[in-house]
Amino acid sequence: MTAKLSALASARENWDDELPMILAELSAVPHHSVVLAAREIALAVRLGWQPLLMDRLIARFTGEPIYVRDLALMRRAPDYAWIFLFHPSGHVREAALDWLQRPPASPFFLAAVAWRLNDWAEPVRRAAARYVQRVQRQIAPDVAASSAPYLLDRRHSWGRWGSSEADLLDDVFGRPDVLPIIAGFLQRTANGSLARYLRLVVRYPAIDQYLPALAASAIQPQVTAIAYRCLLTGSVTWFAGYGWEWIDKVYGIRKRVPKFNHRPLQDIALPPDLFWQAARDASVIVRRAAADALIASRTTVPDEDRLIAHFEQDKNPSVRSRADFLRRHPRPS
């Protein structure tokens, strides 16, 4: 791909026939490589390089910017804008985002748009926000769902965007046609940081209806445990960034601490023996989550004594230690 872009860099005006093939190949680039790919694409295509001497002279005497040819290409064929998302000039990136009308056709290009939401130039961030607002309902559900794990994880690690830009992704990933795909992925996948992913996704209330299925049949025990914990406690918690906690205001000493948001679980029908299902699960991670939920929800569990007795007989010491805590701290009458 890099070689093909480099070969075309010297004849940019003749890209029209090659552009669809180039965009198709870029669409296949892994979306989690977008930051590295952005630099490689700009270098391969020589985006932002000085034009020929005659062009520089024309630009000097007409007052036109040296990237005027790139803007002319987008006016002639709007799909050039997908390439110019990676242009070193913020003016061209902003123009490219305003020129785009079609939604991203792949997770890579959706990640590229999100990267522009995090652009160092504020006008580019605003242009990216306008673009997402235009096309957010048109983005294919599978494209949104495929890029969600990476982009949700970048929410608090990319530092330039504010909540107004990052929140635009919620309108995409929280859609009712996207969340079933995400839930199915969490349910059927065995490997990966799925627990972290689920903790990010529970911010969307529409995911609540899929938690019983995740608790009953998710392959990865960590996913099952989180789903049970949400269902048994009746609430969900997700990471919401970082804040500061004072250690000593006199000396201006403080530390960075994580922040979490909470919301109650939406009304969904739960089986009456849900605690017992979790308490008898083959995975100790799930049984431990059930014991933790019992500690947090004791006033709502009618057969608490039987559950504690069951946990006291568990073969894992971490579960038995929670049962011991429950015995030493009886429920208020």
C-alpha atoms as a PDB file:
ATOM      1  CA  MET A   1       0.000   0.000   0.000  1.00  0.00           C
ATOM      2  CA  THR A   2       2.766   2.448   0.906  1.00  0.00           C
ATOM      3  CA  ALA A   3       4.583   1.719  -2.348  1.00  0.00           C
ATOM      4  CA  LYS A   4       1.441   2.312  -4.383  1.00  0.00           C
ATOM      5  CA  LEU A   5       0.774   5.640  -2.681  1.00  0.00           C
ATOM      6  CA  SER A   6       4.382   6.688  -3.189  1.00  0.00           C
ATOM      7  CA  ALA A   7       4.216   5.846  -6.898  1.00  0.00           C
ATOM      8  CA  LEU A   8       1.141   8.014  -7.293  1.00  0.00           C
ATOM      9  CA  ALA A   9       2.463  10.937  -5.273  1.00  0.00           C
ATOM     10  CA  SER A  10       4.221  12.542  -8.213  1.00  0.00           C
ATOM     11  CA  ALA A  11       1.109  12.358 -10.432  1.00  0.00           C
ATOM     12  CA  ARG A  12      -1.630  13.354  -8.035  1.00  0.00           C
ATOM     13  CA  GLU A  13      -3.850  14.893 -10.704  1.00  0.00           C
ATOM     14  CA  ASN A  14      -4.077  11.501 -12.452  1.00  0.00           C
ATOM     15  CA  TRP A  15      -5.438   9.635  -9.445  1.00  0.00           C
ATOM     16  CA  ASP A  16      -9.069   9.590 -10.559  1.00  0.00           C
ATOM     17  CA  ASP A  17      -8.959   6.050 -11.962  1.00  0.00           C
ATOM     18  CA  GLU A  18      -6.858   4.703  -9.090  1.00  0.00           C
ATOM     19  CA  LEU A  19      -8.675   6.433  -6.241  1.00  0.00           C
ATOM     20  CA  PRO A  20     -11.444   3.835  -5.656  1.00  0.00           C
ATOM     21  CA  MET A  21      -8.865   1.038  -5.429  1.00  0.00           C
ATOM     22  CA  ILE A  22      -6.677   3.073  -3.086  1.00  0.00           C
ATOM     23  CA  LEU A  23      -9.611   3.846  -0.783  1.00  0.00           C
ATOM     24  CA  ALA A  24     -10.645   0.182  -0.790  1.00  0.00           C
ATOM     25  CA  GLU A  25      -7.163  -0.862   0.303  1.00  0.00           C
ATOM     26  CA  LEU A  26      -7.039   1.831   2.973  1.00  0.00           C
ATOM     27  CA  SER A  27     -10.408   0.591   4.253  1.00  0.00           C
ATOM     28  CA  ALA A  28      -8.765  -2.747   5.017  1.00  0.00           C
ATOM     29  CA  VAL A  29      -6.127  -1.172   7.283  1.00  0.00           C
ATOM     30  CA  PRO A  30      -6.788  -2.127  10.939  1.00  0.00           C
ATOM     31  CA  HIS A  31      -8.650   0.708  12.620  1.00  0.00           C
ATOM     32  CA  HIS A  32      -6.444   0.553  15.715  1.00  0.00           C
ATOM     33  CA  SER A  33      -3.477   1.533  13.514  1.00  0.00           C
ATOM     34  CA  VAL A  34      -5.001   4.864  12.498  1.00  0.00           C
ATOM     35  CA  VAL A  35      -2.527   7.074  14.398  1.00  0.00           C
ATOM     36  CA  LEU A  36       0.508   5.375  12.860  1.00  0.00           C
ATOM     37  CA  ALA A  37      -1.177   5.098   9.455  1.00  0.00           C
ATOM     38  CA  ALA A  38      -1.966   8.836   9.426  1.00  0.00           C
ATOM     39  CA  ARG A  39       1.725   9.684   9.397  1.00  0.00           C
ATOM     40  CA  GLU A  40       2.616   6.963   6.914  1.00  0.00           C
ATOM     41  CA  ILE A  41      -0.082   8.053   4.461  1.00  0.00           C
ATOM     42  CA  ALA A  42       0.970  11.701   4.635  1.00  0.00           C
ATOM     43  CA  LEU A  43       4.599  10.744   3.976  1.00  0.00           C
ATOM     44  CA  ALA A  44       3.815   8.258   1.198  1.00  0.00           C
ATOM     45  CA  VAL A  45       1.558  10.638  -0.723  1.00  0.00           C
ATOM     46  CA  ARG A  46       3.799  13.617   0.083  1.00  0.00           C
ATOM     47  CA  LEU A  47       0.838  15.559   1.376  1.00  0.00           C
ATOM     48  CA  GLY A  48       1.801  19.145   2.103  1.00  0.00           C
ATOM     49  CA  TRP A  49       5.079  19.002   0.195  1.00  0.00           C
ATOM     50  CA  GLN A  50       6.162  22.141  -1.659  1.00  0.00           C
ATOM     51  CA  PRO A  51       4.858  22.138  -5.242  1.00  0.00           C
ATOM     52  CA  LEU A  52       7.072  22.692  -8.263  1.00  0.00           C
ATOM     53  CA  LEU A  53       8.932  25.970  -8.699  1.00  0.00           C
ATOM     54  CA  MET A  54       6.396  27.367 -11.166  1.00  0.00           C
ATOM     55  CA  ASP A  55       3.559  26.556  -8.797  1.00  0.00           C
ATOM     56  CA  ARG A  56       5.390  28.281  -5.965  1.00  0.00           C
ATOM     57  CA  LEU A  57       5.889  31.362  -8.098  1.00  0.00           C
ATOM     58  CA  ILE A  58       2.212  31.406  -9.063  1.00  0.00           C
ATOM     59  CA  ALA A  59       1.237  31.017  -5.413  1.00  0.00           C
ATOM     60  CA  ARG A  60       3.559  33.852  -4.471  1.00  0.00           C
ATOM     61  CA  PHE A  61       2.152  36.347  -6.985  1.00  0.00           C
ATOM     62  CA  THR A  62      -1.525  35.333  -6.764  1.00  0.00           C
ATOM     63  CA  GLY A  63      -1.636  35.006  -3.013  1.00  0.00           C
ATOM     64  CA  GLU A  64      -3.138  31.503  -3.239  1.00  0.00           C
ATOM     65  CA  PRO A  65      -1.936  28.973  -0.641  1.00  0.00           C
ATOM     66  CA  ILE A  66       0.504  26.315  -1.806  1.00  0.00           C
ATOM     67  CA  TYR A  67      -2.076  23.602  -1.134  1.00  0.00           C
ATOM     68  CA  VAL A  68      -4.556  25.113  -3.629  1.00  0.00           C
ATOM     69  CA  ARG A  69      -4.115  22.122  -5.942  1.00  0.00           C
ATOM     70  CA  ASP A  70      -5.260  19.746  -3.214  1.00  0.00           C
ATOM     71  CA  LEU A  71      -8.390  21.814  -2.634  1.00  0.00           C
ATOM     72  CA  ALA A  72      -9.070  21.802  -6.371  1.00  0.00           C
ATOM     73  CA  LEU A  73      -8.856  18.007  -6.416  1.00  0.00           C
ATOM     74  CA  MET A  74     -11.575  17.747  -3.764  1.00  0.00           C
ATOM     75  CA  ARG A  75     -13.805  20.088  -5.720  1.00  0.00           C
ATOM     76  CA  ARG A  76     -13.359  17.886  -8.771  1.00  0.00           C
ATOM     77  CA  ALA A  77     -13.802  14.541  -6.973  1.00  0.00           C
ATOM     78  CA  PRO A  78     -15.043  14.676  -3.343  1.00  0.00           C
ATOM     79  CA  ASP A  79     -13.589  11.247  -2.473  1.00  0.00           C
ATOM     80  CA  TYR A  80     -10.112  12.793  -2.451  1.00  0.00           C
ATOM     81  CA  ALA A  81     -11.205  14.190   0.895  1.00  0.00           C
ATOM     82  CA  TRP A  82     -10.706  10.752   2.490  1.00  0.00           C
ATOM     83  CA  ILE A  83      -7.010  10.960   1.598  1.00  0.00           C
ATOM     84  CA  PHE A  84      -6.722  14.583   2.703  1.00  0.00           C
ATOM     85  CA  LEU A  85      -7.986  13.722   6.193  1.00  0.00           C
ATOM     86  CA  PHE A  86      -4.298  12.963   6.770  1.00  0.00           C
ATOM     87  CA  HIS A  87      -2.978  16.216   5.246  1.00  0.00           C
ATOM     88  CA  PRO A  88      -0.404  18.100   7.354  1.00  0.00           C
ATOM     89  CA  SER A  89      -2.250  21.377   6.722  1.00  0.00           C
ATOM     90  CA  GLY A  90      -5.122  21.991   9.091  1.00  0.00           C
ATOM     91  CA  HIS A  91      -6.782  24.108   6.394  1.00  0.00           C
ATOM     92  CA  VAL A  92      -6.951  21.082   4.092  1.00  0.00           C
ATOM     93  CA  ARG A  93      -8.102  18.712   6.852  1.00  0.00           C
ATOM     94  CA  GLU A  94     -10.877  21.138   7.764  1.00  0.00           C
ATOM     95  CA  ALA A  95     -11.902  21.506   4.113  1.00  0.00           C
ATOM     96  CA  ALA A  96     -11.851  17.732   3.638  1.00  0.00           C
ATOM     97  CA  LEU A  97     -14.218  17.197   6.562  1.00  0.00           C
ATOM     98  CA  ASP A  98     -16.596  19.884   5.304  1.00  0.00           C
ATOM     99  CA  TRP A  99     -16.474  18.380   1.815  1.00  0.00           C
ATOM    100  CA  LEU A 100     -17.345  14.831   2.892  1.00  0.00           C
ATOM    101  CA  GLN A 101     -20.992  13.851   2.585  1.00  0.00           C
ATOM    102  CA  ARG A 102     -20.930  10.055   2.687  1.00  0.00           C
ATOM    103  CA  PRO A 103     -20.458   8.170   5.975  1.00  0.00           C
ATOM    104  CA  PRO A 104     -17.224   6.246   6.656  1.00  0.00           C
ATOM    105  CA  ALA A 105     -17.326   2.934   4.783  1.00  0.00           C
ATOM    106  CA  SER A 106     -14.974   1.063   7.126  1.00  0.00           C
ATOM    107  CA  PRO A 107     -13.821   1.027  10.751  1.00  0.00           C
ATOM    108  CA  PHE A 108     -10.499   2.524   9.627  1.00  0.00           C
ATOM    109  CA  PHE A 109     -12.096   5.634   8.166  1.00  0.00           C
ATOM    110  CA  LEU A 110     -14.420   5.988  11.158  1.00  0.00           C
ATOM    111  CA  ALA A 111     -11.334   5.871  13.380  1.00  0.00           C
ATOM    112  CA  ALA A 112      -9.727   8.491  11.115  1.00  0.00           C
ATOM    113  CA  VAL A 113     -12.709  10.796  11.630  1.00  0.00           C
ATOM    114  CA  ALA A 114     -12.515  10.213  15.395  1.00  0.00           C
ATOM    115  CA  TRP A 115      -8.804  11.056  15.248  1.00  0.00           C
ATOM    116  CA  ARG A 116      -9.787  14.356  13.642  1.00  0.00           C
ATOM    117  CA  LEU A 117     -12.224  14.944  16.513  1.00  0.00           C
ATOM    118  CA  ASN A 118      -9.049  14.836  18.599  1.00  0.00           C
ATOM    119  CA  ASP A 119      -7.105  17.069  16.170  1.00  0.00           C
ATOM    120  CA  TRP A 120      -4.645  19.599  17.588  1.00  0.00           C
ATOM    121  CA  ALA A 121      -6.352  22.375  15.577  1.00  0.00           C
ATOM    122  CA  GLU A 122      -9.669  23.521  16.990  1.00  0.00           C
ATOM    123  CA  PRO A 123     -11.195  24.413  13.574  1.00  0.00           C
ATOM    124  CA  VAL A 124     -10.512  20.842  12.436  1.00  0.00           C
ATOM    125  CA  ARG A 125     -12.168  19.449  15.561  1.00  0.00           C
ATOM    126  CA  ARG A 126     -15.213  21.618  14.880  1.00  0.00           C
ATOM    127  CA  ALA A 127     -15.315  20.468  11.244  1.00  0.00           C
ATOM    128  CA  ALA A 128     -15.084  16.825  12.368  1.00  0.00           C
ATOM    129  CA  ALA A 129     -17.952  17.408  14.797  1.00  0.00           C
ATOM    130  CA  ARG A 130     -20.079  18.899  12.026  1.00  0.00           C
ATOM    131  CA  TYR A 131     -19.333  15.922   9.819  1.00  0.00           C
ATOM    132  CA  VAL A 132     -20.236  13.356  12.500  1.00  0.00           C
ATOM    133  CA  GLN A 133     -23.490  15.190  13.182  1.00  0.00           C
ATOM    134  CA  ARG A 134     -24.325  15.009   9.473  1.00  0.00           C
ATOM    135  CA  VAL A 135     -23.698  11.290   9.014  1.00  0.00           C
ATOM    136  CA  GLN A 136     -24.021   9.652  12.457  1.00  0.00           C
ATOM    137  CA  ARG A 137     -27.325   7.943  11.588  1.00  0.00           C
ATOM    138  CA  GLN A 138     -25.996   6.727   8.237  1.00  0.00           C
ATOM    139  CA  ILE A 139     -22.928   4.885   9.534  1.00  0.00           C
ATOM    140  CA  ALA A 140     -23.366   1.154   8.975  1.00  0.00           C
ATOM    141  CA  PRO A 141     -24.000  -0.719  12.259  1.00  0.00           C
ATOM    142  CA  ASP A 142     -21.195  -3.223  11.644  1.00  0.00           C
ATOM    143  CA  VAL A 143     -18.719  -0.394  10.940  1.00  0.00           C
ATOM    144  CA  ALA A 144     -19.639   1.341  14.195  1.00  0.00           C
ATOM    145  CA  ALA A 145     -19.596  -1.870  16.251  1.00  0.00           C
ATOM    146  CA  SER A 146     -16.206  -2.966  14.861  1.00  0.00           C
ATOM    147  CA  SER A 147     -14.513   0.297  15.793  1.00  0.00           C
ATOM    148  CA  ALA A 148     -16.218   0.707  19.170  1.00  0.00           C
ATOM    149  CA  PRO A 149     -13.698  -1.233  21.334  1.00  0.00           C
ATOM    150  CA  TYR A 150     -10.761   0.862  20.167  1.00  0.00           C
ATOM    151  CA  LEU A 151     -12.464   4.255  20.120  1.00  0.00           C
ATOM    152  CA  LEU A 152     -14.239   3.851  23.450  1.00  0.00           C
ATOM    153  CA  ASP A 153     -10.901   2.927  25.001  1.00  0.00           C
ATOM    154  CA  ARG A 154      -9.341   6.096  23.539  1.00  0.00           C
ATOM    155  CA  ARG A 155     -12.003   8.322  25.080  1.00  0.00           C
ATOM    156  CA  HIS A 156      -9.865   9.255  28.094  1.00  0.00           C
ATOM    157  CA  SER A 157      -6.400   8.663  26.646  1.00  0.00           C
ATOM    158  CA  TRP A 158      -6.632  11.054  23.701  1.00  0.00           C
ATOM    159  CA  GLY A 159      -6.089  14.398  25.320  1.00  0.00           C
ATOM    160  CA  ARG A 160      -7.019  17.131  22.845  1.00  0.00           C
ATOM    161  CA  TRP A 161     -10.746  16.603  22.452  1.00  0.00           C
ATOM    162  CA  GLY A 162     -13.253  17.718  25.024  1.00  0.00           C
ATOM    163  CA  SER A 163     -16.475  16.099  26.127  1.00  0.00           C
ATOM    164  CA  SER A 164     -18.443  17.836  23.363  1.00  0.00           C
ATOM    165  CA  GLU A 165     -16.410  16.032  20.677  1.00  0.00           C
ATOM    166  CA  ALA A 166     -16.063  12.681  22.453  1.00  0.00           C
ATOM    167  CA  ASP A 167     -19.764  12.593  23.304  1.00  0.00           C
ATOM    168  CA  LEU A 168     -20.592  12.571  19.596  1.00  0.00           C
ATOM    169  CA  LEU A 169     -19.382   8.969  19.495  1.00  0.00           C
ATOM    170  CA  ASP A 170     -22.058   8.052  22.040  1.00  0.00           C
ATOM    171  CA  ASP A 171     -24.701   8.920  19.457  1.00  0.00           C
ATOM    172  CA  VAL A 172     -23.063   6.379  17.139  1.00  0.00           C
ATOM    173  CA  PHE A 173     -22.194   3.519  19.486  1.00  0.00           C
ATOM    174  CA  GLY A 174     -25.362   3.809  21.577  1.00  0.00           C
ATOM    175  CA  ARG A 175     -27.666   3.310  18.602  1.00  0.00           C
ATOM    176  CA  PRO A 176     -30.234   0.474  18.955  1.00  0.00           C
ATOM    177  CA  ASP A 177     -28.950  -1.165  15.760  1.00  0.00           C
ATOM    178  CA  VAL A 178     -25.324  -1.098  16.923  1.00  0.00           C
ATOM    179  CA  LEU A 179     -25.629  -2.456  20.474  1.00  0.00           C
ATOM    180  CA  PRO A 180     -27.017  -5.889  19.442  1.00  0.00           C
ATOM    181  CA  ILE A 181     -23.872  -6.436  17.360  1.00  0.00           C
ATOM    182  CA  ILE A 182     -21.670  -5.367  20.265  1.00  0.00           C
ATOM    183  CA  ALA A 183     -23.578  -7.650  22.654  1.00  0.00           C
ATOM    184  CA  GLY A 184     -23.249 -10.583  20.256  1.00  0.00           C
ATOM    185  CA  PHE A 185     -19.517  -9.997  19.995  1.00  0.00           C
ATOM    186  CA  LEU A 186     -19.178  -9.944  23.780  1.00  0.00           C
ATOM    187  CA  GLN A 187     -21.244 -13.098  24.060  1.00  0.00           C
ATOM    188  CA  ARG A 188     -19.448 -15.208  21.440  1.00  0.00           C
ATOM    189  CA  THR A 189     -15.812 -14.076  21.789  1.00  0.00           C
ATOM    190  CA  ALA A 190     -13.396 -15.969  24.015  1.00  0.00           C
ATOM    191  CA  ASN A 191     -10.233 -13.865  23.899  1.00  0.00           C
ATOM    192  CA  GLY A 192      -9.378 -10.231  24.435  1.00  0.00           C
ATOM    193  CA  SER A 193     -10.041  -7.514  26.991  1.00  0.00           C
ATOM    194  CA  LEU A 194     -13.785  -8.016  26.825  1.00  0.00           C
ATOM    195  CA  ALA A 195     -14.417  -7.128  30.458  1.00  0.00           C
ATOM    196  CA  ARG A 196     -12.847  -3.722  29.899  1.00  0.00           C
ATOM    197  CA  TYR A 197     -14.944  -3.323  26.775  1.00  0.00           C
ATOM    198  CA  LEU A 198     -18.186  -4.205  28.587  1.00  0.00           C
ATOM    199  CA  ARG A 199     -17.388  -1.735  31.364  1.00  0.00           C
ATOM    200  CA  LEU A 200     -17.153   0.967  28.703  1.00  0.00           C
ATOM    201  CA  VAL A 201     -20.332  -0.081  26.904  1.00  0.00           C
ATOM    202  CA  VAL A 202     -22.588  -0.164  29.979  1.00  0.00           C
ATOM    203  CA  ARG A 203     -22.717   3.639  29.805  1.00  0.00           C
ATOM    204  CA  TYR A 204     -25.472   3.127  27.191  1.00  0.00           C
ATOM    205  CA  PRO A 205     -28.849   2.244  28.774  1.00  0.00           C
ATOM    206  CA  ALA A 206     -29.931   0.235  25.720  1.00  0.00           C
ATOM    207  CA  ILE A 207     -27.313  -2.418  26.581  1.00  0.00           C
ATOM    208  CA  ASP A 208     -29.272  -3.388  29.707  1.00  0.00           C
ATOM    209  CA  GLN A 209     -31.648  -5.680  27.813  1.00  0.00           C
ATOM    210  CA  TYR A 210     -28.680  -7.806  26.682  1.00  0.00           C
ATOM    211  CA  LEU A 211     -27.163  -8.289  30.149  1.00  0.00           C
ATOM    212  CA  PRO A 212     -29.269 -11.386  31.013  1.00  0.00           C
ATOM    213  CA  ALA A 213     -28.039 -13.138  27.863  1.00  0.00           C
ATOM    214  CA  LEU A 214     -24.440 -12.154  28.633  1.00  0.00           C
ATOM    215  CA  ALA A 215     -24.795 -13.483  32.176  1.00  0.00           C
ATOM    216  CA  ALA A 216     -26.302 -16.747  30.946  1.00  0.00           C
ATOM    217  CA  SER A 217     -24.097 -17.618  27.996  1.00  0.00           C
ATOM    218  CA  ALA A 218     -21.067 -15.353  27.517  1.00  0.00           C
ATOM    219  CA  ILE A 219     -17.985 -17.448  26.794  1.00  0.00           C
ATOM    220  CA  GLN A 220     -15.551 -15.321  28.795  1.00  0.00           C
ATOM    221  CA  PRO A 221     -16.130 -15.594  32.579  1.00  0.00           C
ATOM    222  CA  GLN A 222     -15.101 -11.985  33.151  1.00  0.00           C
ATOM    223  CA  VAL A 223     -17.972 -10.812  30.941  1.00  0.00           C
ATOM    224  CA  THR A 224     -20.383 -13.136  32.744  1.00  0.00           C
ATOM    225  CA  ALA A 225     -19.233 -11.789  36.111  1.00  0.00           C
ATOM    226  CA  ILE A 226     -19.747  -8.136  35.133  1.00  0.00           C
ATOM    227  CA  ALA A 227     -23.183  -8.879  33.682  1.00  0.00           C
ATOM    228  CA  TYR A 228     -24.219 -10.691  36.859  1.00  0.00           C
ATOM    229  CA  ARG A 229     -22.877  -7.907  39.053  1.00  0.00           C
ATOM    230  CA  CYS A 230     -24.939  -5.330  37.169  1.00  0.00           C
ATOM    231  CA  LEU A 231     -28.088  -7.452  37.308  1.00  0.00           C
ATOM    232  CA  LEU A 232     -27.735  -8.434  40.964  1.00  0.00           C
ATOM    233  CA  THR A 233     -26.983  -4.933  42.234  1.00  0.00           C
ATOM    234  CA  GLY A 234     -29.445  -3.185  39.926  1.00  0.00           C
ATOM    235  CA  SER A 235     -26.900  -0.580  38.830  1.00  0.00           C
ATOM    236  CA  VAL A 236     -24.028  -0.113  36.410  1.00  0.00           C
ATOM    237  CA  THR A 237     -20.724   1.705  36.829  1.00  0.00           C
ATOM    238  CA  TRP A 238     -18.277   2.901  34.215  1.00  0.00           C
ATOM    239  CA  PHE A 239     -14.984   4.740  34.098  1.00  0.00           C
ATOM    240  CA  ALA A 240     -15.512   8.454  33.429  1.00  0.00           C
ATOM    241  CA  GLY A 241     -11.972   9.837  33.341  1.00  0.00           C
ATOM    242  CA  TYR A 242      -9.696  11.333  35.958  1.00  0.00           C
ATOM    243  CA  GLY A 243      -9.952  14.038  38.554  1.00  0.00           C
ATOM    244  CA  TRP A 244      -7.753  15.509  41.256  1.00  0.00           C
ATOM    245  CA  GLU A 245      -7.784  14.803  44.953  1.00  0.00           C
ATOM    246  CA  TRP A 246      -6.040  17.121  47.376  1.00  0.00           C
ATOM    247  CA  ILE A 247      -3.385  15.695  49.669  1.00  0.00           C
ATOM    248  CA  ASP A 248      -2.225  18.985  51.127  1.00  0.00           C
ATOM    249  CA  LYS A 249      -3.755  22.254  49.914  1.00  0.00           C
ATOM    250  CA  VAL A 250      -1.240  24.338  51.823  1.00  0.00           C
ATOM    251  CA  TYR A 251       1.639  22.960  49.775  1.00  0.00           C
ATOM    252  CA  GLY A 252      -0.398  22.428  46.614  1.00  0.00           C
ATOM    253  CA  ILE A 253       0.057  18.658  46.677  1.00  0.00           C
ATOM    254  CA  ARG A 254      -2.596  16.603  44.918  1.00  0.00           C
ATOM    255  CA  LYS A 255      -2.939  13.270  43.173  1.00  0.00           C
ATOM    256  CA  ARG A 256      -4.747  12.091  40.078  1.00  0.00           C
ATOM    257  CA  VAL A 257      -7.624   9.731  40.820  1.00  0.00           C
ATOM    258  CA  PRO A 258     -10.061   7.857  38.573  1.00  0.00           C
ATOM    259  CA  LYS A 259     -13.693   8.970  38.400  1.00  0.00           C
ATOM    260  CA  PHE A 260     -16.704   6.723  37.876  1.00  0.00           C
ATOM    261  CA  ASN A 261     -20.275   7.363  36.843  1.00  0.00           C
ATOM    262  CA  HIS A 262     -23.278   5.328  37.931  1.00  0.00           C
ATOM    263  CA  ARG A 263     -26.836   4.807  36.799  1.00  0.00           C
ATOM    264  CA  PRO A 264     -29.639   2.454  37.841  1.00  0.00           C
ATOM    265  CA  LEU A 265     -30.391  -0.530  35.673  1.00  0.00           C
ATOM    266  CA  GLN A 266     -33.391  -0.140  33.411  1.00  0.00           C
ATOM    267  CA  ASP A 267     -36.461  -2.237  34.208  1.00  0.00           C
ATOM    268  CA  ILE A 268     -35.866  -5.706  32.798  1.00  0.00           C
ATOM    269  CA  ALA A 269     -37.359  -9.051  33.796  1.00  0.00           C
ATOM    270  CA  LEU A 270     -34.981 -11.122  35.926  1.00  0.00           C
ATOM    271  CA  PRO A 271     -35.348 -14.768  36.998  1.00  0.00           C
ATOM    272  CA  PRO A 272     -36.076 -15.154  40.735  1.00  0.00           C
ATOM    273  CA  ASP A 273     -33.118 -17.503  41.257  1.00  0.00           C
ATOM    274  CA  LEU A 274     -30.551 -15.199  39.651  1.00  0.00           C
ATOM    275  CA  PHE A 275     -28.372 -15.104  42.781  1.00  0.00           C
ATOM    276  CA  TRP A 276     -28.331 -18.895  42.891  1.00  0.00           C
ATOM    277  CA  GLN A 277     -27.408 -19.141  39.227  1.00  0.00           C
ATOM    278  CA  ALA A 278     -24.371 -16.965  39.852  1.00  0.00           C
ATOM    279  CA  ALA A 279     -23.519 -18.657  43.154  1.00  0.00           C
ATOM    280  CA  ARG A 280     -23.411 -22.078  41.448  1.00  0.00           C
ATOM    281  CA  ASP A 281     -21.451 -20.997  38.388  1.00  0.00           C
ATOM    282  CA  ALA A 282     -18.398 -23.064  37.470  1.00  0.00           C
ATOM    283  CA  SER A 283     -16.149 -19.991  37.391  1.00  0.00           C
ATOM    284  CA  VAL A 284     -14.810 -18.603  40.647  1.00  0.00           C
ATOM    285  CA  ILE A 285     -14.830 -15.128  39.081  1.00  0.00           C
ATOM    286  CA  VAL A 286     -18.608 -15.329  38.737  1.00  0.00           C
ATOM    287  CA  ARG A 287     -19.144 -16.802  42.218  1.00  0.00           C
ATOM    288  CA  ARG A 288     -16.972 -14.073  43.703  1.00  0.00           C
ATOM    289  CA  ALA A 289     -19.031 -11.457  41.851  1.00  0.00           C
ATOM    290  CA  ALA A 290     -22.201 -13.012  43.288  1.00  0.00           C
ATOM    291  CA  ALA A 291     -20.807 -12.790  46.820  1.00  0.00           C
ATOM    292  CA  ASP A 292     -19.796  -9.158  46.252  1.00  0.00           C
ATOM    293  CA  ALA A 293     -23.285  -8.389  44.948  1.00  0.00           C
ATOM    294  CA  LEU A 294     -24.796 -10.005  48.036  1.00  0.00           C
ATOM    295  CA  ILE A 295     -22.692  -7.698  50.231  1.00  0.00           C
ATOM    296  CA  ALA A 296     -23.911  -4.693  48.239  1.00  0.00           C
ATOM    297  CA  SER A 297     -27.596  -5.732  48.014  1.00  0.00           C
ATOM    298  CA  ARG A 298     -28.350  -7.471  51.280  1.00  0.00           C
ATOM    299  CA  THR A 299     -31.598  -5.698  52.050  1.00  0.00           C
ATOM    300  CA  THR A 300     -33.185  -7.040  48.869  1.00  0.00           C
ATOM    301  CA  VAL A 301     -32.210 -10.731  49.151  1.00  0.00           C
ATOM    302  CA  PRO A 302     -34.788 -12.815  51.072  1.00  0.00           C
ATOM    303  CA  ASP A 303     -32.771 -16.066  51.390  1.00  0.00           C
ATOM    304  CA  GLU A 304     -29.535 -14.455  52.461  1.00  0.00           C
ATOM    305  CA  ASP A 305     -28.699 -17.061  55.136  1.00  0.00           C
ATOM    306  CA  ARG A 306     -28.883 -19.934  52.657  1.00  0.00           C
ATOM    307  CA  LEU A 307     -26.697 -18.066  50.196  1.00  0.00           C
ATOM    308  CA  ILE A 308     -24.115 -17.299  52.889  1.00  0.00           C
ATOM    309  CA  ALA A 309     -24.068 -20.948  53.918  1.00  0.00           C
ATOM    310  CA  HIS A 310     -23.528 -21.925  50.297  1.00  0.00           C
ATOM    311  CA  PHE A 311     -20.631 -19.495  49.931  1.00  0.00           C
ATOM    312  CA  GLU A 312     -19.099 -20.802  53.174  1.00  0.00           C
ATOM    313  CA  GLN A 313     -18.767 -24.205  51.513  1.00  0.00           C
ATOM    314  CA  ASP A 314     -17.119 -22.836  48.362  1.00  0.00           C
ATOM    315  CA  LYS A 315     -13.794 -24.428  47.445  1.00  0.00           C
ATOM    316  CA  ASN A 316     -12.210 -21.033  46.727  1.00  0.00           C
ATOM    317  CA  PRO A 317     -10.890 -19.057  49.728  1.00  0.00           C
ATOM    318  CA  SER A 318     -11.750 -15.663  48.224  1.00  0.00           C
ATOM    319  CA  VAL A 319     -15.426 -16.639  48.089  1.00  0.00           C
ATOM    320  CA  ARG A 320     -15.325 -18.080  51.619  1.00  0.00           C
ATOM    321  CA  SER A 321     -13.731 -14.878  52.919  1.00  0.00           C
ATOM    322  CA  ARG A 322     -16.709 -12.909  51.607  1.00  0.00           C
ATOM    323  CA  ALA A 323     -19.067 -15.309  53.344  1.00  0.00           C
ATOM    324  CA  ASP A 324     -17.113 -14.753  56.550  1.00  0.00           C
ATOM    325  CA  PHE A 325     -17.522 -10.995  56.127  1.00  0.00           C
ATOM    326  CA  LEU A 326     -21.274 -11.456  55.711  1.00  0.00           C
ATOM    327  CA  ARG A 327     -21.440 -13.520  58.919  1.00  0.00           C
ATOM    328  CA  ARG A 328     -19.444 -10.979  60.894  1.00  0.00           C
ATOM    329  CA  HIS A 329     -21.565  -8.098  59.613  1.00  0.00           C
ATOM    330  CA  PRO A 330     -25.186  -9.212  59.874  1.00  0.00           C
ATOM    331  CA  ARG A 331     -27.859  -7.364  57.941  1.00  0.00           C
ATOM    332  CA  PRO A 332     -29.492  -4.531  59.921  1.00  0.00           C
ATOM    333  CA  SER A 333     -32.882  -5.587  61.203  1.00  0.00           C
END
